[in-house]
């Protein structure tokens, strides 16, 4: 249900931007979404204000859901690829609130000297510091 609400908000926001004179390509690049699901964990990223080759991302909202009552915690992190080939994995954010809960994290990617060519999320389930399983979302580029 939560994902449908987020997608509905993104769609409505994109339509509003398009309605105020922005081209459809511009509207599509200002609000972007990607997600993945693995055993026990689902996560997504809402990316705002970024298009390929921008040097920073002004708004990133990560959400992670713990779907199993197994004592393990669900975590999410952002990955970024740069034009000259560098990759940055940002720190993991854990949902320690238990099964059936979502946890959100608001962040951004500071402007650097190189254009960002792709953004994605990884979602994992952990036992302490041991990673049990992992998924990677499709790249936004």
N, C-alpha and C. Protein backbone atom coordinates (compact mmCIF):
# COMPACT_ATOMS: atom_id res chain seq x y z
N UNK A 1 0.83 -1.19 0.00
CA UNK A 1 0.00 0.00 0.00
C UNK A 1 0.87 1.25 0.00
N UNK A 2 1.95 1.24 0.82
CA UNK A 2 2.83 2.40 0.91
C UNK A 2 3.47 2.71 -0.43
N UNK A 3 3.93 1.66 -1.15
CA UNK A 3 4.57 1.90 -2.44
C UNK A 3 3.61 2.54 -3.42
N UNK A 4 2.36 2.09 -3.41
CA UNK A 4 1.38 2.68 -4.32
C UNK A 4 1.21 4.16 -4.01
N UNK A 5 1.23 4.52 -2.73
CA UNK A 5 1.09 5.92 -2.35
C UNK A 5 2.28 6.72 -2.86
N UNK A 6 3.50 6.19 -2.68
CA UNK A 6 4.68 6.91 -3.15
C UNK A 6 4.65 7.06 -4.66
N UNK A 7 4.30 5.99 -5.36
CA UNK A 7 4.25 6.07 -6.81
C UNK A 7 3.19 7.06 -7.26
N UNK A 8 2.04 7.07 -6.57
CA UNK A 8 0.98 8.02 -6.91
C UNK A 8 1.43 9.45 -6.72
N UNK A 9 2.17 9.71 -5.64
CA UNK A 9 2.68 11.06 -5.38
C UNK A 9 3.68 11.45 -6.45
N UNK A 10 4.58 10.52 -6.82
CA UNK A 10 5.56 10.83 -7.86
C UNK A 10 4.88 11.12 -9.19
N UNK A 11 3.88 10.30 -9.54
CA UNK A 11 3.17 10.51 -10.79
C UNK A 11 2.45 11.85 -10.79
N UNK A 12 1.76 12.15 -9.69
CA UNK A 12 1.05 13.42 -9.59
C UNK A 12 2.03 14.59 -9.66
N UNK A 13 3.18 14.46 -8.99
CA UNK A 13 4.19 15.52 -9.02
C UNK A 13 4.72 15.73 -10.43
N UNK A 14 5.00 14.64 -11.13
CA UNK A 14 5.51 14.75 -12.50
C UNK A 14 4.48 15.41 -13.41
N UNK A 15 3.20 15.05 -13.22
CA UNK A 15 2.15 15.66 -14.04
C UNK A 15 2.02 17.15 -13.73
N UNK A 16 2.15 17.53 -12.46
CA UNK A 16 2.05 18.95 -12.10
C UNK A 16 3.20 19.73 -12.74
N UNK A 17 4.42 19.18 -12.68
CA UNK A 17 5.56 19.87 -13.28
C UNK A 17 5.32 20.02 -14.77
N UNK A 18 4.86 18.93 -15.42
CA UNK A 18 4.60 19.00 -16.87
C UNK A 18 3.51 20.03 -17.16
N UNK A 19 2.53 20.14 -16.29
CA UNK A 19 1.44 21.08 -16.49
C UNK A 19 1.87 22.53 -16.38
N UNK A 20 2.99 22.80 -15.71
CA UNK A 20 3.47 24.16 -15.56
C UNK A 20 4.53 24.52 -16.59
N UNK A 21 4.58 23.79 -17.69
CA UNK A 21 5.42 24.19 -18.80
C UNK A 21 6.72 23.43 -18.94
N UNK A 22 7.03 22.49 -18.05
CA UNK A 22 8.24 21.70 -18.23
C UNK A 22 7.96 20.64 -19.28
N UNK A 23 9.00 20.28 -20.03
CA UNK A 23 8.82 19.24 -21.03
C UNK A 23 8.67 17.90 -20.33
N UNK A 24 8.06 16.89 -20.98
CA UNK A 24 7.93 15.56 -20.37
C UNK A 24 9.28 14.97 -19.99
N UNK A 25 10.32 15.20 -20.79
CA UNK A 25 11.65 14.68 -20.46
C UNK A 25 12.16 15.30 -19.17
N UNK A 26 11.95 16.59 -18.99
CA UNK A 26 12.38 17.26 -17.76
C UNK A 26 11.60 16.72 -16.57
N UNK A 27 10.31 16.58 -16.70
CA UNK A 27 9.49 16.07 -15.60
C UNK A 27 9.93 14.66 -15.21
N UNK A 28 10.23 13.83 -16.19
CA UNK A 28 10.64 12.46 -15.90
C UNK A 28 11.98 12.42 -15.16
N UNK A 29 12.85 13.39 -15.41
CA UNK A 29 14.16 13.39 -14.78
C UNK A 29 14.18 14.02 -13.40
N UNK A 30 13.11 14.67 -12.98
CA UNK A 30 13.13 15.33 -11.68
C UNK A 30 12.61 14.44 -10.56
N UNK A 31 11.84 13.41 -10.85
CA UNK A 31 11.36 12.48 -9.84
C UNK A 31 11.52 11.06 -10.39
N UNK A 32 12.41 10.29 -9.78
CA UNK A 32 12.72 8.96 -10.28
C UNK A 32 12.60 7.95 -9.16
N UNK A 33 12.33 6.70 -9.51
CA UNK A 33 12.07 5.66 -8.52
C UNK A 33 12.73 4.36 -8.95
N UNK A 34 13.32 3.63 -8.00
CA UNK A 34 13.84 2.29 -8.25
C UNK A 34 13.69 1.47 -6.98
N UNK A 35 13.59 0.14 -7.14
CA UNK A 35 13.39 -0.71 -5.97
C UNK A 35 13.88 -2.13 -6.25
N UNK A 36 14.03 -2.89 -5.16
CA UNK A 36 14.30 -4.32 -5.29
C UNK A 36 13.80 -5.04 -4.04
N UNK A 37 13.69 -6.36 -4.18
CA UNK A 37 13.16 -7.20 -3.10
C UNK A 37 14.01 -8.46 -3.00
N UNK A 38 14.35 -8.83 -1.77
CA UNK A 38 15.05 -10.07 -1.50
C UNK A 38 14.34 -10.74 -0.34
N UNK A 39 14.70 -11.95 -0.01
CA UNK A 39 14.06 -12.67 1.09
C UNK A 39 14.14 -11.84 2.37
N UNK A 40 12.99 -11.48 2.90
CA UNK A 40 12.92 -10.77 4.17
C UNK A 40 13.05 -9.26 4.11
N UNK A 41 13.30 -8.70 2.93
CA UNK A 41 13.51 -7.25 2.86
C UNK A 41 13.13 -6.70 1.49
N UNK A 42 12.51 -5.52 1.51
CA UNK A 42 12.17 -4.79 0.30
C UNK A 42 12.62 -3.35 0.51
N UNK A 43 13.14 -2.73 -0.54
CA UNK A 43 13.56 -1.34 -0.40
C UNK A 43 13.38 -0.57 -1.67
N UNK A 44 13.32 0.76 -1.53
CA UNK A 44 13.18 1.62 -2.70
C UNK A 44 13.86 2.96 -2.47
N UNK A 45 14.05 3.64 -3.57
CA UNK A 45 14.64 4.99 -3.53
C UNK A 45 13.80 5.90 -4.39
N UNK A 46 13.47 7.05 -3.85
CA UNK A 46 12.85 8.14 -4.59
C UNK A 46 13.93 9.21 -4.76
N UNK A 47 14.28 9.48 -6.00
CA UNK A 47 15.34 10.42 -6.33
C UNK A 47 14.70 11.65 -6.95
N UNK A 48 15.00 12.83 -6.42
CA UNK A 48 14.42 14.06 -6.96
C UNK A 48 15.50 15.06 -7.34
N UNK A 49 15.27 15.77 -8.44
CA UNK A 49 16.15 16.85 -8.84
C UNK A 49 17.43 16.40 -9.50
N UNK A 50 17.47 15.19 -10.06
CA UNK A 50 18.68 14.69 -10.70
C UNK A 50 18.37 14.15 -12.09
N UNK A 51 19.27 14.42 -13.02
CA UNK A 51 19.27 13.76 -14.32
C UNK A 51 20.70 13.34 -14.60
N UNK A 52 20.87 12.37 -15.48
CA UNK A 52 22.19 11.84 -15.77
C UNK A 52 23.19 12.95 -16.06
N UNK A 53 24.35 12.83 -15.51
CA UNK A 53 25.52 13.73 -15.64
C UNK A 53 25.47 14.93 -14.70
N UNK A 54 24.39 15.11 -13.93
CA UNK A 54 24.43 16.11 -12.86
C UNK A 54 25.50 15.68 -11.87
N UNK A 55 26.11 16.63 -11.18
CA UNK A 55 27.22 16.32 -10.28
C UNK A 55 26.80 16.04 -8.84
N UNK A 56 25.53 16.18 -8.54
CA UNK A 56 25.00 15.87 -7.21
C UNK A 56 23.53 15.53 -7.32
N UNK A 57 22.97 15.03 -6.22
CA UNK A 57 21.55 14.72 -6.17
C UNK A 57 20.97 15.42 -4.95
N UNK A 58 20.08 16.39 -5.15
CA UNK A 58 19.60 17.20 -4.03
C UNK A 58 18.68 16.46 -3.06
N UNK A 59 17.98 15.40 -3.52
CA UNK A 59 17.04 14.74 -2.64
C UNK A 59 16.98 13.23 -2.92
N UNK A 60 17.27 12.45 -1.88
CA UNK A 60 17.19 11.00 -1.95
C UNK A 60 16.38 10.53 -0.75
N UNK A 61 15.31 9.79 -0.99
CA UNK A 61 14.56 9.19 0.10
C UNK A 61 14.65 7.67 -0.06
N UNK A 62 15.29 7.03 0.92
CA UNK A 62 15.40 5.58 0.95
C UNK A 62 14.37 5.03 1.92
N UNK A 63 13.72 3.93 1.54
CA UNK A 63 12.75 3.26 2.40
C UNK A 63 13.06 1.77 2.39
N UNK A 64 13.03 1.15 3.57
CA UNK A 64 13.31 -0.28 3.66
C UNK A 64 12.26 -0.95 4.55
N UNK A 65 11.80 -2.11 4.11
CA UNK A 65 10.74 -2.86 4.78
C UNK A 65 11.28 -4.21 5.24
N UNK A 66 11.03 -4.55 6.50
CA UNK A 66 11.39 -5.86 7.06
C UNK A 66 10.15 -6.73 6.95
N UNK A 67 10.21 -7.78 6.12
CA UNK A 67 9.02 -8.58 5.85
C UNK A 67 8.98 -9.92 6.57
N UNK A 68 10.02 -10.29 7.31
CA UNK A 68 10.02 -11.58 7.99
C UNK A 68 10.22 -11.43 9.49
N UNK A 69 9.51 -12.22 10.23
CA UNK A 69 9.65 -12.26 11.69
C UNK A 69 10.73 -13.29 12.03
N UNK A 70 11.97 -12.97 11.71
CA UNK A 70 13.05 -13.94 11.84
C UNK A 70 14.20 -13.45 12.73
N UNK A 71 14.06 -12.27 13.33
CA UNK A 71 15.12 -11.74 14.18
C UNK A 71 16.24 -11.05 13.42
N UNK A 72 16.19 -11.06 12.10
CA UNK A 72 17.21 -10.38 11.29
C UNK A 72 16.69 -8.99 10.94
N UNK A 73 17.59 -8.09 10.54
CA UNK A 73 17.14 -6.75 10.18
C UNK A 73 17.38 -6.48 8.69
N UNK A 74 16.51 -5.65 8.13
CA UNK A 74 16.58 -5.24 6.74
C UNK A 74 17.38 -3.93 6.66
N UNK A 75 18.21 -3.83 5.62
CA UNK A 75 19.03 -2.63 5.44
C UNK A 75 19.02 -2.21 3.98
N UNK A 76 19.34 -0.92 3.77
CA UNK A 76 19.36 -0.36 2.42
C UNK A 76 20.54 0.60 2.29
N UNK A 77 21.09 0.68 1.08
CA UNK A 77 22.12 1.68 0.79
C UNK A 77 22.02 2.11 -0.66
N UNK A 78 22.58 3.28 -0.93
CA UNK A 78 22.58 3.88 -2.27
C UNK A 78 23.93 3.62 -2.93
N UNK A 79 23.89 3.33 -4.23
CA UNK A 79 25.10 3.21 -5.03
C UNK A 79 25.07 4.25 -6.13
N UNK A 80 26.23 4.82 -6.45
CA UNK A 80 26.35 5.87 -7.46
C UNK A 80 27.56 5.57 -8.34
N UNK A 81 27.38 5.67 -9.66
CA UNK A 81 28.48 5.51 -10.62
C UNK A 81 28.76 6.86 -11.26
N UNK A 82 30.04 7.17 -11.40
CA UNK A 82 30.46 8.45 -11.97
C UNK A 82 30.98 8.29 -13.38
N UNK A 83 30.94 9.37 -14.13
CA UNK A 83 31.33 9.39 -15.55
C UNK A 83 32.72 8.82 -15.78
N UNK A 84 33.67 9.16 -14.95
CA UNK A 84 35.05 8.68 -15.14
C UNK A 84 35.27 7.29 -14.57
N UNK A 85 34.19 6.62 -14.15
CA UNK A 85 34.30 5.22 -13.76
C UNK A 85 34.28 4.92 -12.28
N UNK A 86 34.33 5.91 -11.43
CA UNK A 86 34.30 5.64 -10.00
C UNK A 86 32.91 5.21 -9.53
N UNK A 87 32.90 4.42 -8.46
CA UNK A 87 31.65 3.98 -7.84
C UNK A 87 31.72 4.32 -6.36
N UNK A 88 30.62 4.85 -5.83
CA UNK A 88 30.52 5.10 -4.39
C UNK A 88 29.33 4.33 -3.86
N UNK A 89 29.56 3.55 -2.81
CA UNK A 89 28.49 2.91 -2.06
C UNK A 89 28.35 3.69 -0.78
N UNK A 90 27.19 4.26 -0.53
CA UNK A 90 26.95 5.01 0.69
C UNK A 90 26.65 4.03 1.83
N UNK A 91 26.75 4.47 3.07
CA UNK A 91 26.59 3.55 4.21
C UNK A 91 25.21 2.88 4.24
N UNK A 92 25.20 1.69 4.84
CA UNK A 92 23.95 0.97 5.06
C UNK A 92 23.11 1.68 6.10
N UNK A 93 21.78 1.66 5.89
CA UNK A 93 20.80 2.18 6.85
C UNK A 93 19.92 0.99 7.25
N UNK A 94 19.85 0.72 8.54
CA UNK A 94 19.14 -0.47 9.02
C UNK A 94 17.74 -0.15 9.55
N UNK A 95 16.84 -1.06 9.31
CA UNK A 95 15.52 -1.04 9.93
C UNK A 95 15.55 -2.09 11.04
N UNK A 96 15.72 -1.64 12.27
CA UNK A 96 15.76 -2.52 13.43
C UNK A 96 14.43 -2.55 14.17
N UNK A 97 13.37 -2.04 13.53
CA UNK A 97 12.07 -1.92 14.20
C UNK A 97 11.24 -3.19 14.16
N UNK A 98 11.68 -4.23 13.47
CA UNK A 98 10.98 -5.51 13.46
C UNK A 98 10.14 -5.74 12.22
N UNK A 99 9.66 -6.96 12.14
CA UNK A 99 8.87 -7.41 10.98
C UNK A 99 7.62 -6.55 10.81
N UNK A 100 7.29 -6.30 9.55
CA UNK A 100 6.09 -5.55 9.22
C UNK A 100 6.25 -4.04 9.32
N UNK A 101 7.49 -3.56 9.42
CA UNK A 101 7.72 -2.11 9.55
C UNK A 101 8.54 -1.56 8.39
N UNK A 102 8.24 -0.31 8.04
CA UNK A 102 9.01 0.48 7.08
C UNK A 102 9.86 1.47 7.85
N UNK A 103 11.03 1.77 7.35
CA UNK A 103 11.84 2.85 7.91
C UNK A 103 12.34 3.69 6.75
N UNK A 104 12.26 5.02 6.89
CA UNK A 104 12.68 5.94 5.82
C UNK A 104 13.90 6.73 6.26
N UNK A 105 14.74 7.04 5.28
CA UNK A 105 15.94 7.83 5.49
C UNK A 105 16.02 8.89 4.40
N UNK A 106 16.11 10.15 4.79
CA UNK A 106 16.24 11.25 3.83
C UNK A 106 17.69 11.67 3.74
N UNK A 107 18.17 11.85 2.51
CA UNK A 107 19.56 12.21 2.32
C UNK A 107 19.73 12.95 1.00
N UNK A 108 20.97 13.08 0.57
CA UNK A 108 21.33 13.69 -0.71
C UNK A 108 22.72 13.20 -1.08
N UNK A 109 23.12 13.44 -2.32
CA UNK A 109 24.49 13.16 -2.76
C UNK A 109 25.13 14.51 -3.02
N UNK A 110 26.18 14.85 -2.26
CA UNK A 110 26.80 16.16 -2.44
C UNK A 110 27.40 16.30 -3.83
N UNK A 111 27.42 17.52 -4.32
CA UNK A 111 28.01 17.80 -5.63
C UNK A 111 29.50 17.52 -5.59
N UNK A 112 29.97 16.83 -6.62
CA UNK A 112 31.39 16.53 -6.75
C UNK A 112 31.91 17.12 -8.05
N UNK A 113 33.07 16.65 -8.45
CA UNK A 113 33.69 17.19 -9.66
C UNK A 113 33.35 16.38 -10.91
N UNK A 114 32.63 15.27 -10.76
CA UNK A 114 32.33 14.39 -11.89
C UNK A 114 30.83 14.15 -11.99
N UNK A 115 30.34 14.00 -13.20
CA UNK A 115 28.92 13.74 -13.42
C UNK A 115 28.51 12.35 -12.96
N UNK A 116 27.30 12.24 -12.41
CA UNK A 116 26.76 10.96 -11.97
C UNK A 116 26.03 10.34 -13.16
N UNK A 117 26.43 9.10 -13.51
CA UNK A 117 25.82 8.44 -14.67
C UNK A 117 24.77 7.40 -14.29
N UNK A 118 24.79 6.88 -13.07
CA UNK A 118 23.81 5.88 -12.65
C UNK A 118 23.65 5.89 -11.14
N UNK A 119 22.43 5.55 -10.71
CA UNK A 119 22.09 5.48 -9.29
C UNK A 119 21.27 4.22 -9.08
N UNK A 120 21.47 3.52 -7.98
CA UNK A 120 20.69 2.34 -7.66
C UNK A 120 20.70 2.12 -6.15
N UNK A 121 19.86 1.19 -5.69
CA UNK A 121 19.87 0.81 -4.28
C UNK A 121 20.19 -0.66 -4.16
N UNK A 122 20.75 -1.00 -3.01
CA UNK A 122 20.92 -2.39 -2.62
C UNK A 122 20.15 -2.59 -1.33
N UNK A 123 19.49 -3.72 -1.23
CA UNK A 123 18.71 -4.07 -0.04
C UNK A 123 19.24 -5.42 0.43
N UNK A 124 19.42 -5.54 1.74
CA UNK A 124 19.97 -6.78 2.29
C UNK A 124 19.31 -7.11 3.61
N UNK A 125 19.47 -8.37 4.01
CA UNK A 125 19.05 -8.83 5.33
C UNK A 125 20.32 -9.20 6.08
N UNK A 126 20.40 -8.76 7.33
CA UNK A 126 21.59 -8.96 8.14
C UNK A 126 21.27 -9.70 9.43
N UNK A 127 22.26 -10.48 9.88
CA UNK A 127 22.31 -11.02 11.24
C UNK A 127 23.53 -10.36 11.86
N UNK A 128 23.28 -9.35 12.71
CA UNK A 128 24.39 -8.55 13.22
C UNK A 128 25.08 -7.86 12.06
N UNK A 129 26.38 -8.13 11.88
CA UNK A 129 27.12 -7.52 10.77
C UNK A 129 27.31 -8.49 9.60
N UNK A 130 26.70 -9.67 9.68
CA UNK A 130 26.82 -10.67 8.62
C UNK A 130 25.66 -10.53 7.63
N UNK A 131 26.01 -10.29 6.38
CA UNK A 131 24.99 -10.16 5.33
C UNK A 131 24.49 -11.55 4.94
N UNK A 132 23.17 -11.73 4.97
CA UNK A 132 22.57 -13.03 4.65
C UNK A 132 22.15 -13.13 3.19
N UNK A 133 21.61 -12.06 2.63
CA UNK A 133 21.19 -12.03 1.23
C UNK A 133 21.09 -10.58 0.78
N UNK A 134 21.05 -10.39 -0.55
CA UNK A 134 21.17 -9.05 -1.13
C UNK A 134 20.46 -9.00 -2.47
N UNK A 135 19.89 -7.83 -2.78
CA UNK A 135 19.41 -7.57 -4.14
C UNK A 135 19.90 -6.17 -4.54
N UNK A 136 19.98 -5.95 -5.83
CA UNK A 136 20.33 -4.63 -6.37
C UNK A 136 19.21 -4.21 -7.32
N UNK A 137 18.78 -2.96 -7.21
CA UNK A 137 17.71 -2.46 -8.08
C UNK A 137 18.26 -2.19 -9.48
N UNK A 138 17.37 -2.02 -10.45
CA UNK A 138 17.80 -1.54 -11.76
C UNK A 138 18.43 -0.15 -11.63
N UNK A 139 19.39 0.12 -12.48
CA UNK A 139 20.06 1.42 -12.48
C UNK A 139 19.14 2.50 -13.03
N UNK A 140 19.18 3.66 -12.42
CA UNK A 140 18.60 4.85 -13.01
C UNK A 140 19.75 5.57 -13.71
N UNK A 141 19.57 5.91 -14.96
CA UNK A 141 20.65 6.61 -15.66
C UNK A 141 20.11 7.72 -16.52
